[in-house]
PDB file of N, CA and C in Angstrom:
ATOM      1  N   UNK A   1      14.331  -7.221  35.071  1.00  0.00           N
ATOM      2  CA  UNK A   1      14.679  -8.388  34.271  1.00  0.00           C
ATOM      3  C   UNK A   1      14.841  -7.966  32.810  1.00  0.00           C
ATOM      4  N   UNK A   2      15.773  -8.553  32.096  1.00  0.00           N
ATOM      5  CA  UNK A   2      15.961  -8.189  30.676  1.00  0.00           C
ATOM      6  C   UNK A   2      14.775  -8.645  29.827  1.00  0.00           C
ATOM      7  N   UNK A   3      14.708  -8.091  28.649  1.00  0.00           N
ATOM      8  CA  UNK A   3      13.639  -8.471  27.722  1.00  0.00           C
ATOM      9  C   UNK A   3      13.777  -9.933  27.325  1.00  0.00           C
ATOM     10  N   UNK A   4      12.634 -10.584  27.068  1.00  0.00           N
ATOM     11  CA  UNK A   4      12.719 -11.962  26.581  1.00  0.00           C
ATOM     12  C   UNK A   4      13.243 -11.976  25.150  1.00  0.00           C
ATOM     13  N   UNK A   5      13.772 -13.112  24.743  1.00  0.00           N
ATOM     14  CA  UNK A   5      14.168 -13.272  23.346  1.00  0.00           C
ATOM     15  C   UNK A   5      12.923 -13.535  22.523  1.00  0.00           C
ATOM     16  N   UNK A   6      13.056 -13.366  21.233  1.00  0.00           N
ATOM     17  CA  UNK A   6      11.887 -13.634  20.393  1.00  0.00           C
ATOM     18  C   UNK A   6      11.501 -15.102  20.460  1.00  0.00           C
ATOM     19  N   UNK A   7      12.464 -15.991  20.670  1.00  0.00           N
ATOM     20  CA  UNK A   7      12.142 -17.413  20.795  1.00  0.00           C
ATOM     21  C   UNK A   7      11.317 -17.680  22.058  1.00  0.00           C
ATOM     22  N   UNK A   8      11.633 -16.972  23.141  1.00  0.00           N
ATOM     23  CA  UNK A   8      10.855 -17.118  24.369  1.00  0.00           C
ATOM     24  C   UNK A   8       9.422 -16.629  24.164  1.00  0.00           C
ATOM     25  N   UNK A   9       9.266 -15.539  23.436  1.00  0.00           N
ATOM     26  CA  UNK A   9       7.919 -15.028  23.174  1.00  0.00           C
ATOM     27  C   UNK A   9       7.131 -16.013  22.329  1.00  0.00           C
ATOM     28  N   UNK A  10       7.761 -16.575  21.288  1.00  0.00           N
ATOM     29  CA  UNK A  10       7.072 -17.559  20.449  1.00  0.00           C
ATOM     30  C   UNK A  10       6.660 -18.767  21.288  1.00  0.00           C
ATOM     31  N   UNK A  11       7.538 -19.227  22.146  1.00  0.00           N
ATOM     32  CA  UNK A  11       7.217 -20.364  23.017  1.00  0.00           C
ATOM     33  C   UNK A  11       6.042 -20.022  23.927  1.00  0.00           C
ATOM     34  N   UNK A  12       6.045 -18.829  24.494  1.00  0.00           N
ATOM     35  CA  UNK A  12       4.952 -18.406  25.367  1.00  0.00           C
ATOM     36  C   UNK A  12       3.644 -18.320  24.595  1.00  0.00           C
ATOM     37  N   UNK A  13       3.676 -17.737  23.397  1.00  0.00           N
ATOM     38  CA  UNK A  13       2.452 -17.655  22.591  1.00  0.00           C
ATOM     39  C   UNK A  13       1.945 -19.042  22.231  1.00  0.00           C
ATOM     40  N   UNK A  14       2.848 -19.982  22.025  1.00  0.00           N
ATOM     41  CA  UNK A  14       2.449 -21.346  21.700  1.00  0.00           C
ATOM     42  C   UNK A  14       1.755 -22.015  22.889  1.00  0.00           C
ATOM     43  N   UNK A  15       2.262 -21.769  24.086  1.00  0.00           N
ATOM     44  CA  UNK A  15       1.651 -22.337  25.292  1.00  0.00           C
ATOM     45  C   UNK A  15       0.269 -21.732  25.509  1.00  0.00           C
ATOM     46  N   UNK A  16       0.137 -20.457  25.248  1.00  0.00           N
ATOM     47  CA  UNK A  16      -1.112 -19.736  25.468  1.00  0.00           C
ATOM     48  C   UNK A  16      -1.890 -19.584  24.160  1.00  0.00           C
ATOM     49  N   UNK A  17      -1.894 -20.593  23.326  1.00  0.00           N
ATOM     50  CA  UNK A  17      -2.385 -20.463  21.957  1.00  0.00           C
ATOM     51  C   UNK A  17      -3.895 -20.320  21.818  1.00  0.00           C
ATOM     52  N   UNK A  18      -4.653 -20.585  22.862  1.00  0.00           N
ATOM     53  CA  UNK A  18      -6.109 -20.516  22.735  1.00  0.00           C
ATOM     54  C   UNK A  18      -6.629 -19.099  22.516  1.00  0.00           C
ATOM     55  N   UNK A  19      -5.948 -18.111  23.076  1.00  0.00           N
ATOM     56  CA  UNK A  19      -6.416 -16.731  22.993  1.00  0.00           C
ATOM     57  C   UNK A  19      -5.250 -15.795  22.692  1.00  0.00           C
ATOM     58  N   UNK A  20      -5.520 -14.728  21.925  1.00  0.00           N
ATOM     59  CA  UNK A  20      -4.479 -13.725  21.722  1.00  0.00           C
ATOM     60  C   UNK A  20      -4.069 -13.114  23.066  1.00  0.00           C
ATOM     61  N   UNK A  21      -2.839 -12.640  23.149  1.00  0.00           N
ATOM     62  CA  UNK A  21      -2.293 -12.089  24.389  1.00  0.00           C
ATOM     63  C   UNK A  21      -1.782 -10.682  24.116  1.00  0.00           C
ATOM     64  N   UNK A  22      -2.222  -9.730  24.916  1.00  0.00           N
ATOM     65  CA  UNK A  22      -1.789  -8.349  24.707  1.00  0.00           C
ATOM     66  C   UNK A  22      -0.339  -8.176  25.164  1.00  0.00           C
ATOM     67  N   UNK A  23       0.310  -7.148  24.636  1.00  0.00           N
ATOM     68  CA  UNK A  23       1.727  -6.908  24.920  1.00  0.00           C
ATOM     69  C   UNK A  23       1.986  -6.754  26.418  1.00  0.00           C
ATOM     70  N   UNK A  24       1.083  -6.091  27.134  1.00  0.00           N
ATOM     71  CA  UNK A  24       1.273  -5.904  28.573  1.00  0.00           C
ATOM     72  C   UNK A  24       1.330  -7.235  29.302  1.00  0.00           C
ATOM     73  N   UNK A  25       0.457  -8.179  28.911  1.00  0.00           N
ATOM     74  CA  UNK A  25       0.463  -9.495  29.556  1.00  0.00           C
ATOM     75  C   UNK A  25       1.737 -10.273  29.233  1.00  0.00           C
ATOM     76  N   UNK A  26       2.220 -10.130  28.007  1.00  0.00           N
ATOM     77  CA  UNK A  26       3.484 -10.784  27.640  1.00  0.00           C
ATOM     78  C   UNK A  26       4.609 -10.202  28.494  1.00  0.00           C
ATOM     79  N   UNK A  27       4.651  -8.876  28.582  1.00  0.00           N
ATOM     80  CA  UNK A  27       5.697  -8.217  29.365  1.00  0.00           C
ATOM     81  C   UNK A  27       5.613  -8.623  30.834  1.00  0.00           C
ATOM     82  N   UNK A  28       4.405  -8.674  31.380  1.00  0.00           N
ATOM     83  CA  UNK A  28       4.250  -9.054  32.784  1.00  0.00           C
ATOM     84  C   UNK A  28       4.684 -10.501  33.020  1.00  0.00           C
ATOM     85  N   UNK A  29       4.377 -11.372  32.071  1.00  0.00           N
ATOM     86  CA  UNK A  29       4.781 -12.775  32.207  1.00  0.00           C
ATOM     87  C   UNK A  29       6.304 -12.881  32.349  1.00  0.00           C
ATOM     88  N   UNK A  30       7.027 -12.070  31.580  1.00  0.00           N
ATOM     89  CA  UNK A  30       8.489 -12.115  31.599  1.00  0.00           C
ATOM     90  C   UNK A  30       9.087 -11.090  32.577  1.00  0.00           C
ATOM     91  N   UNK A  31       8.222 -10.485  33.384  1.00  0.00           N
ATOM     92  CA  UNK A  31       8.656  -9.473  34.346  1.00  0.00           C
ATOM     93  C   UNK A  31       9.473  -8.392  33.638  1.00  0.00           C
ATOM     94  N   UNK A  32       8.968  -7.950  32.488  1.00  0.00           N
ATOM     95  CA  UNK A  32       9.677  -6.959  31.680  1.00  0.00           C
ATOM     96  C   UNK A  32       8.784  -5.766  31.355  1.00  0.00           C
ATOM     97  N   UNK A  33       7.747  -5.556  32.155  1.00  0.00           N
ATOM     98  CA  UNK A  33       6.825  -4.460  31.884  1.00  0.00           C
ATOM     99  C   UNK A  33       7.488  -3.121  32.159  1.00  0.00           C
ATOM    100  N   UNK A  34       7.290  -2.194  31.240  1.00  0.00           N
ATOM    101  CA  UNK A  34       7.782  -0.836  31.417  1.00  0.00           C
ATOM    102  C   UNK A  34       6.625   0.138  31.577  1.00  0.00           C
ATOM    103  N   UNK A  35       5.402  -0.403  31.609  1.00  0.00           N
ATOM    104  CA  UNK A  35       4.221   0.444  31.697  1.00  0.00           C
ATOM    105  C   UNK A  35       3.883   1.031  30.343  1.00  0.00           C
ATOM    106  N   UNK A  36       2.643   1.372  30.175  1.00  0.00           N
ATOM    107  CA  UNK A  36       2.228   2.004  28.926  1.00  0.00           C
ATOM    108  C   UNK A  36       2.149   1.046  27.761  1.00  0.00           C
ATOM    109  N   UNK A  37       2.680   1.462  26.625  1.00  0.00           N
ATOM    110  CA  UNK A  37       2.508   0.736  25.382  1.00  0.00           C
ATOM    111  C   UNK A  37       3.372  -0.479  25.174  1.00  0.00           C
ATOM    112  N   UNK A  38       4.275  -0.747  26.103  1.00  0.00           N
ATOM    113  CA  UNK A  38       5.141  -1.932  25.999  1.00  0.00           C
ATOM    114  C   UNK A  38       5.894  -1.974  24.677  1.00  0.00           C
ATOM    115  N   UNK A  39       6.440  -0.840  24.284  1.00  0.00           N
ATOM    116  CA  UNK A  39       7.182  -0.741  23.026  1.00  0.00           C
ATOM    117  C   UNK A  39       8.323  -1.752  22.941  1.00  0.00           C
ATOM    118  N   UNK A  40       9.111  -1.966  23.989  1.00  0.00           N
ATOM    119  CA  UNK A  40      10.203  -2.947  23.867  1.00  0.00           C
ATOM    120  C   UNK A  40       9.707  -4.357  23.536  1.00  0.00           C
ATOM    121  N   UNK A  41       8.589  -4.768  24.111  1.00  0.00           N
ATOM    122  CA  UNK A  41       8.035  -6.095  23.803  1.00  0.00           C
ATOM    123  C   UNK A  41       7.580  -6.131  22.347  1.00  0.00           C
ATOM    124  N   UNK A  42       6.941  -5.069  21.896  1.00  0.00           N
ATOM    125  CA  UNK A  42       6.509  -5.009  20.495  1.00  0.00           C
ATOM    126  C   UNK A  42       7.714  -5.078  19.549  1.00  0.00           C
ATOM    127  N   UNK A  43       8.819  -4.471  19.943  1.00  0.00           N
ATOM    128  CA  UNK A  43      10.040  -4.539  19.131  1.00  0.00           C
ATOM    129  C   UNK A  43      10.557  -5.970  19.040  1.00  0.00           C
ATOM    130  N   UNK A  44      10.515  -6.705  20.149  1.00  0.00           N
ATOM    131  CA  UNK A  44      10.955  -8.105  20.140  1.00  0.00           C
ATOM    132  C   UNK A  44      10.020  -8.926  19.259  1.00  0.00           C
ATOM    133  N   UNK A  45       8.727  -8.633  19.302  1.00  0.00           N
ATOM    134  CA  UNK A  45       7.773  -9.355  18.457  1.00  0.00           C
ATOM    135  C   UNK A  45       8.056  -9.068  16.987  1.00  0.00           C
ATOM    136  N   UNK A  46       8.348  -7.814  16.654  1.00  0.00           N
ATOM    137  CA  UNK A  46       8.715  -7.491  15.260  1.00  0.00           C
ATOM    138  C   UNK A  46       9.976  -8.252  14.847  1.00  0.00           C
ATOM    139  N   UNK A  47      10.939  -8.349  15.753  1.00  0.00           N
ATOM    140  CA  UNK A  47      12.155  -9.113  15.465  1.00  0.00           C
ATOM    141  C   UNK A  47      11.802 -10.575  15.214  1.00  0.00           C
ATOM    142  N   UNK A  48      10.895 -11.122  16.007  1.00  0.00           N
ATOM    143  CA  UNK A  48      10.491 -12.515  15.832  1.00  0.00           C
ATOM    144  C   UNK A  48       9.901 -12.734  14.446  1.00  0.00           C
ATOM    145  N   UNK A  49       9.090 -11.798  13.989  1.00  0.00           N
ATOM    146  CA  UNK A  49       8.493 -11.911  12.653  1.00  0.00           C
ATOM    147  C   UNK A  49       9.578 -11.816  11.586  1.00  0.00           C
ATOM    148  N   UNK A  50      10.523 -10.896  11.765  1.00  0.00           N
ATOM    149  CA  UNK A  50      11.633 -10.763  10.808  1.00  0.00           C
ATOM    150  C   UNK A  50      12.480 -12.027  10.748  1.00  0.00           C
ATOM    151  N   UNK A  51      12.554 -12.746  11.856  1.00  0.00           N
ATOM    152  CA  UNK A  51      13.367 -13.969  11.940  1.00  0.00           C
ATOM    153  C   UNK A  51      12.592 -15.217  11.537  1.00  0.00           C
ATOM    154  N   UNK A  52      11.362 -15.051  11.084  1.00  0.00           N
ATOM    155  CA  UNK A  52      10.606 -16.190  10.589  1.00  0.00           C
ATOM    156  C   UNK A  52       9.424 -16.611  11.432  1.00  0.00           C
ATOM    157  N   UNK A  53       9.169 -15.917  12.532  1.00  0.00           N
ATOM    158  CA  UNK A  53       8.022 -16.252  13.372  1.00  0.00           C
ATOM    159  C   UNK A  53       6.714 -15.913  12.691  1.00  0.00           C
ATOM    160  N   UNK A  54       5.749 -16.783  12.835  1.00  0.00           N
ATOM    161  CA  UNK A  54       4.418 -16.549  12.279  1.00  0.00           C
ATOM    162  C   UNK A  54       3.522 -16.005  13.390  1.00  0.00           C
ATOM    163  N   UNK A  55       3.637 -14.709  13.620  1.00  0.00           N
ATOM    164  CA  UNK A  55       2.888 -14.047  14.683  1.00  0.00           C
ATOM    165  C   UNK A  55       1.943 -13.042  14.055  1.00  0.00           C
ATOM    166  N   UNK A  56       0.698 -13.150  14.426  1.00  0.00           N
ATOM    167  CA  UNK A  56      -0.310 -12.196  13.984  1.00  0.00           C
ATOM    168  C   UNK A  56      -0.780 -11.379  15.170  1.00  0.00           C
ATOM    169  N   UNK A  57      -1.582 -10.375  14.882  1.00  0.00           N
ATOM    170  CA  UNK A  57      -2.163  -9.583  15.959  1.00  0.00           C
ATOM    171  C   UNK A  57      -3.518  -9.060  15.514  1.00  0.00           C
ATOM    172  N   UNK A  58      -4.339  -8.782  16.505  1.00  0.00           N
ATOM    173  CA  UNK A  58      -5.614  -8.125  16.272  1.00  0.00           C
ATOM    174  C   UNK A  58      -5.903  -7.258  17.490  1.00  0.00           C
ATOM    175  N   UNK A  59      -7.123  -6.757  17.590  1.00  0.00           N
ATOM    176  CA  UNK A  59      -7.413  -5.877  18.718  1.00  0.00           C
ATOM    177  C   UNK A  59      -7.511  -6.628  20.047  1.00  0.00           C
ATOM    178  N   UNK A  60      -7.311  -7.945  20.021  1.00  0.00           N
ATOM    179  CA  UNK A  60      -7.308  -8.740  21.254  1.00  0.00           C
ATOM    180  C   UNK A  60      -5.899  -9.142  21.678  1.00  0.00           C
ATOM    181  N   UNK A  61      -4.891  -8.901  20.820  1.00  0.00           N
ATOM    182  CA  UNK A  61      -3.526  -9.232  21.185  1.00  0.00           C
ATOM    183  C   UNK A  61      -2.763  -9.961  20.094  1.00  0.00           C
ATOM    184  N   UNK A  62      -1.690 -10.595  20.507  1.00  0.00           N
ATOM    185  CA  UNK A  62      -0.810 -11.333  19.593  1.00  0.00           C
ATOM    186  C   UNK A  62      -1.116 -12.823  19.668  1.00  0.00           C
ATOM    187  N   UNK A  63      -0.902 -13.511  18.555  1.00  0.00           N
ATOM    188  CA  UNK A  63      -1.166 -14.947  18.499  1.00  0.00           C
ATOM    189  C   UNK A  63      -0.259 -15.580  17.455  1.00  0.00           C
ATOM    190  N   UNK A  64      -0.048 -16.882  17.598  1.00  0.00           N
ATOM    191  CA  UNK A  64       0.692 -17.615  16.573  1.00  0.00           C
ATOM    192  C   UNK A  64      -0.259 -17.977  15.447  1.00  0.00           C
ATOM    193  N   UNK A  65       0.203 -17.843  14.232  1.00  0.00           N
ATOM    194  CA  UNK A  65      -0.580 -18.226  13.054  1.00  0.00           C
ATOM    195  C   UNK A  65      -0.306 -19.702  12.807  1.00  0.00           C
ATOM    196  N   UNK A  66      -1.340 -20.520  12.990  1.00  0.00           N
ATOM    197  CA  UNK A  66      -1.165 -21.971  12.906  1.00  0.00           C
ATOM    198  C   UNK A  66      -1.890 -22.625  11.736  1.00  0.00           C
ATOM    199  N   UNK A  67      -2.832 -21.931  11.137  1.00  0.00           N
ATOM    200  CA  UNK A  67      -3.625 -22.547  10.068  1.00  0.00           C
ATOM    201  C   UNK A  67      -3.642 -21.641   8.838  1.00  0.00           C
ATOM    202  N   UNK A  68      -4.004 -22.223   7.724  1.00  0.00           N
ATOM    203  CA  UNK A  68      -4.138 -21.454   6.482  1.00  0.00           C
ATOM    204  C   UNK A  68      -5.198 -20.365   6.643  1.00  0.00           C
ATOM    205  N   UNK A  69      -6.275 -20.687   7.334  1.00  0.00           N
ATOM    206  CA  UNK A  69      -7.339 -19.702   7.548  1.00  0.00           C
ATOM    207  C   UNK A  69      -6.846 -18.510   8.369  1.00  0.00           C
ATOM    208  N   UNK A  70      -6.093 -18.793   9.448  1.00  0.00           N
ATOM    209  CA  UNK A  70      -5.530 -17.699  10.251  1.00  0.00           C
ATOM    210  C   UNK A  70      -4.579 -16.863   9.418  1.00  0.00           C
ATOM    211  N   UNK A  71      -3.765 -17.526   8.607  1.00  0.00           N
ATOM    212  CA  UNK A  71      -2.831 -16.827   7.729  1.00  0.00           C
ATOM    213  C   UNK A  71      -3.588 -15.926   6.751  1.00  0.00           C
ATOM    214  N   UNK A  72      -4.583 -16.488   6.076  1.00  0.00           N
ATOM    215  CA  UNK A  72      -5.357 -15.717   5.097  1.00  0.00           C
ATOM    216  C   UNK A  72      -6.063 -14.528   5.750  1.00  0.00           C
ATOM    217  N   UNK A  73      -6.679 -14.761   6.907  1.00  0.00           N
ATOM    218  CA  UNK A  73      -7.389 -13.683   7.594  1.00  0.00           C
ATOM    219  C   UNK A  73      -6.438 -12.577   8.023  1.00  0.00           C
ATOM    220  N   UNK A  74      -5.281 -12.955   8.542  1.00  0.00           N
ATOM    221  CA  UNK A  74      -4.337 -11.943   8.994  1.00  0.00           C
ATOM    222  C   UNK A  74      -3.749 -11.179   7.810  1.00  0.00           C
ATOM    223  N   UNK A  75      -3.444 -11.879   6.732  1.00  0.00           N
ATOM    224  CA  UNK A  75      -2.928 -11.216   5.547  1.00  0.00           C
ATOM    225  C   UNK A  75      -3.943 -10.209   5.005  1.00  0.00           C
ATOM    226  N   UNK A  76      -5.215 -10.584   4.977  1.00  0.00           N
ATOM    227  CA  UNK A  76      -6.259  -9.662   4.522  1.00  0.00           C
ATOM    228  C   UNK A  76      -6.359  -8.461   5.455  1.00  0.00           C
ATOM    229  N   UNK A  77      -6.211  -8.692   6.755  1.00  0.00           N
ATOM    230  CA  UNK A  77      -6.238  -7.592   7.714  1.00  0.00           C
ATOM    231  C   UNK A  77      -5.093  -6.616   7.451  1.00  0.00           C
ATOM    232  N   UNK A  78      -3.893  -7.147   7.215  1.00  0.00           N
ATOM    233  CA  UNK A  78      -2.749  -6.289   6.916  1.00  0.00           C
ATOM    234  C   UNK A  78      -2.961  -5.504   5.623  1.00  0.00           C
ATOM    235  N   UNK A  79      -3.478  -6.174   4.594  1.00  0.00           N
ATOM    236  CA  UNK A  79      -3.722  -5.502   3.312  1.00  0.00           C
ATOM    237  C   UNK A  79      -4.771  -4.404   3.466  1.00  0.00           C
ATOM    238  N   UNK A  80      -5.791  -4.669   4.273  1.00  0.00           N
ATOM    239  CA  UNK A  80      -6.824  -3.672   4.518  1.00  0.00           C
ATOM    240  C   UNK A  80      -6.242  -2.453   5.222  1.00  0.00           C
ATOM    241  N   UNK A  81      -5.387  -2.679   6.215  1.00  0.00           N
ATOM    242  CA  UNK A  81      -4.740  -1.561   6.900  1.00  0.00           C
ATOM    243  C   UNK A  81      -3.845  -0.791   5.939  1.00  0.00           C
ATOM    244  N   UNK A  82      -3.156  -1.531   5.070  1.00  0.00           N
ATOM    245  CA  UNK A  82      -2.284  -0.878   4.090  1.00  0.00           C
ATOM    246  C   UNK A  82      -3.109   0.025   3.173  1.00  0.00           C
ATOM    247  N   UNK A  83      -4.259  -0.474   2.705  1.00  0.00           N
ATOM    248  CA  UNK A  83      -5.115   0.342   1.841  1.00  0.00           C
ATOM    249  C   UNK A  83      -5.582   1.593   2.582  1.00  0.00           C
ATOM    250  N   UNK A  84      -5.946   1.434   3.846  1.00  0.00           N
ATOM    251  CA  UNK A  84      -6.388   2.571   4.645  1.00  0.00           C
ATOM    252  C   UNK A  84      -5.289   3.607   4.824  1.00  0.00           C
ATOM    253  N   UNK A  85      -4.077   3.148   5.064  1.00  0.00           N
ATOM    254  CA  UNK A  85      -2.945   4.067   5.228  1.00  0.00           C
ATOM    255  C   UNK A  85      -2.657   4.780   3.910  1.00  0.00           C
ATOM    256  N   UNK A  86      -2.675   4.051   2.800  1.00  0.00           N
ATOM    257  CA  UNK A  86      -2.428   4.674   1.495  1.00  0.00           C
ATOM    258  C   UNK A  86      -3.503   5.703   1.177  1.00  0.00           C
ATOM    259  N   UNK A  87      -4.751   5.413   1.530  1.00  0.00           N
ATOM    260  CA  UNK A  87      -5.840   6.364   1.311  1.00  0.00           C
ATOM    261  C   UNK A  87      -5.640   7.612   2.161  1.00  0.00           C
ATOM    262  N   UNK A  88      -5.209   7.436   3.386  1.00  0.00           N
ATOM    263  CA  UNK A  88      -4.935   8.572   4.267  1.00  0.00           C
ATOM    264  C   UNK A  88      -3.805   9.431   3.698  1.00  0.00           C
ATOM    265  N   UNK A  89      -2.759   8.799   3.185  1.00  0.00           N
ATOM    266  CA  UNK A  89      -1.640   9.526   2.584  1.00  0.00           C
ATOM    267  C   UNK A  89      -2.139  10.343   1.392  1.00  0.00           C
ATOM    268  N   UNK A  90      -2.934   9.708   0.533  1.00  0.00           N
ATOM    269  CA  UNK A  90      -3.462  10.398  -0.646  1.00  0.00           C
ATOM    270  C   UNK A  90      -4.305  11.598  -0.242  1.00  0.00           C
ATOM    271  N   UNK A  91      -5.182  11.431   0.728  1.00  0.00           N
ATOM    272  CA  UNK A  91      -6.023  12.545   1.177  1.00  0.00           C
ATOM    273  C   UNK A  91      -5.196  13.674   1.774  1.00  0.00           C
ATOM    274  N   UNK A  92      -4.194  13.314   2.574  1.00  0.00           N
ATOM    275  CA  UNK A  92      -3.341  14.328   3.185  1.00  0.00           C
ATOM    276  C   UNK A  92      -2.579  15.112   2.111  1.00  0.00           C
ATOM    277  N   UNK A  93      -2.052  14.398   1.119  1.00  0.00           N
ATOM    278  CA  UNK A  93      -1.327  15.072   0.038  1.00  0.00           C
ATOM    279  C   UNK A  93      -2.259  15.997  -0.744  1.00  0.00           C
ATOM    280  N   UNK A  94      -3.473  15.535  -1.029  1.00  0.00           N
ATOM    281  CA  UNK A  94      -4.447  16.379  -1.738  1.00  0.00           C
ATOM    282  C   UNK A  94      -4.814  17.604  -0.897  1.00  0.00           C
ATOM    283  N   UNK A  95      -5.018  17.393   0.378  1.00  0.00           N
ATOM    284  CA  UNK A  95      -5.368  18.511   1.254  1.00  0.00           C
ATOM    285  C   UNK A  95      -4.229  19.534   1.298  1.00  0.00           C
ATOM    286  N   UNK A  96      -2.995  19.046   1.323  1.00  0.00           N
ATOM    287  CA  UNK A  96      -1.852  19.967   1.362  1.00  0.00           C
ATOM    288  C   UNK A  96      -1.774  20.782   0.078  1.00  0.00           C
ATOM    289  N   UNK A  97      -1.962  20.115  -1.048  1.00  0.00           N
ATOM    290  CA  UNK A  97      -1.913  20.829  -2.342  1.00  0.00           C
ATOM    291  C   UNK A  97      -3.049  21.847  -2.479  1.00  0.00           C
ATOM    292  N   UNK A  98      -4.195  21.526  -1.912  1.00  0.00           N
ATOM    293  CA  UNK A  98      -5.384  22.372  -2.080  1.00  0.00           C
ATOM    294  C   UNK A  98      -5.618  23.352  -0.929  1.00  0.00           C
ATOM    295  N   UNK A  99      -4.644  23.536  -0.096  1.00  0.00           N
ATOM    296  CA  UNK A  99      -4.849  24.429   1.071  1.00  0.00           C
ATOM    297  C   UNK A  99      -4.865  25.874   0.667  1.00  0.00           C
TER     298      UNK A  99
END
């Protein structure tokens, strides 16, 4: 079966809004599982966000952002990851210079 559209994924996340849903479960729901990391489903989710979808994720899966609190928490999570990545880049660059 072909990949779902981002609108179909948003609709599915809205129906299943009580709990985050992992990419594998989304893929299985749409009979689009490729096994493993479900990269194609993640790509559709990224497209949904680029097109205006309010989709967040955590270590429990993907979810629709419906409240200001969810928005704030997810934004802080993204900023924290960004800081961690920037710190890793800085350390790697320093290690390379000092090798």
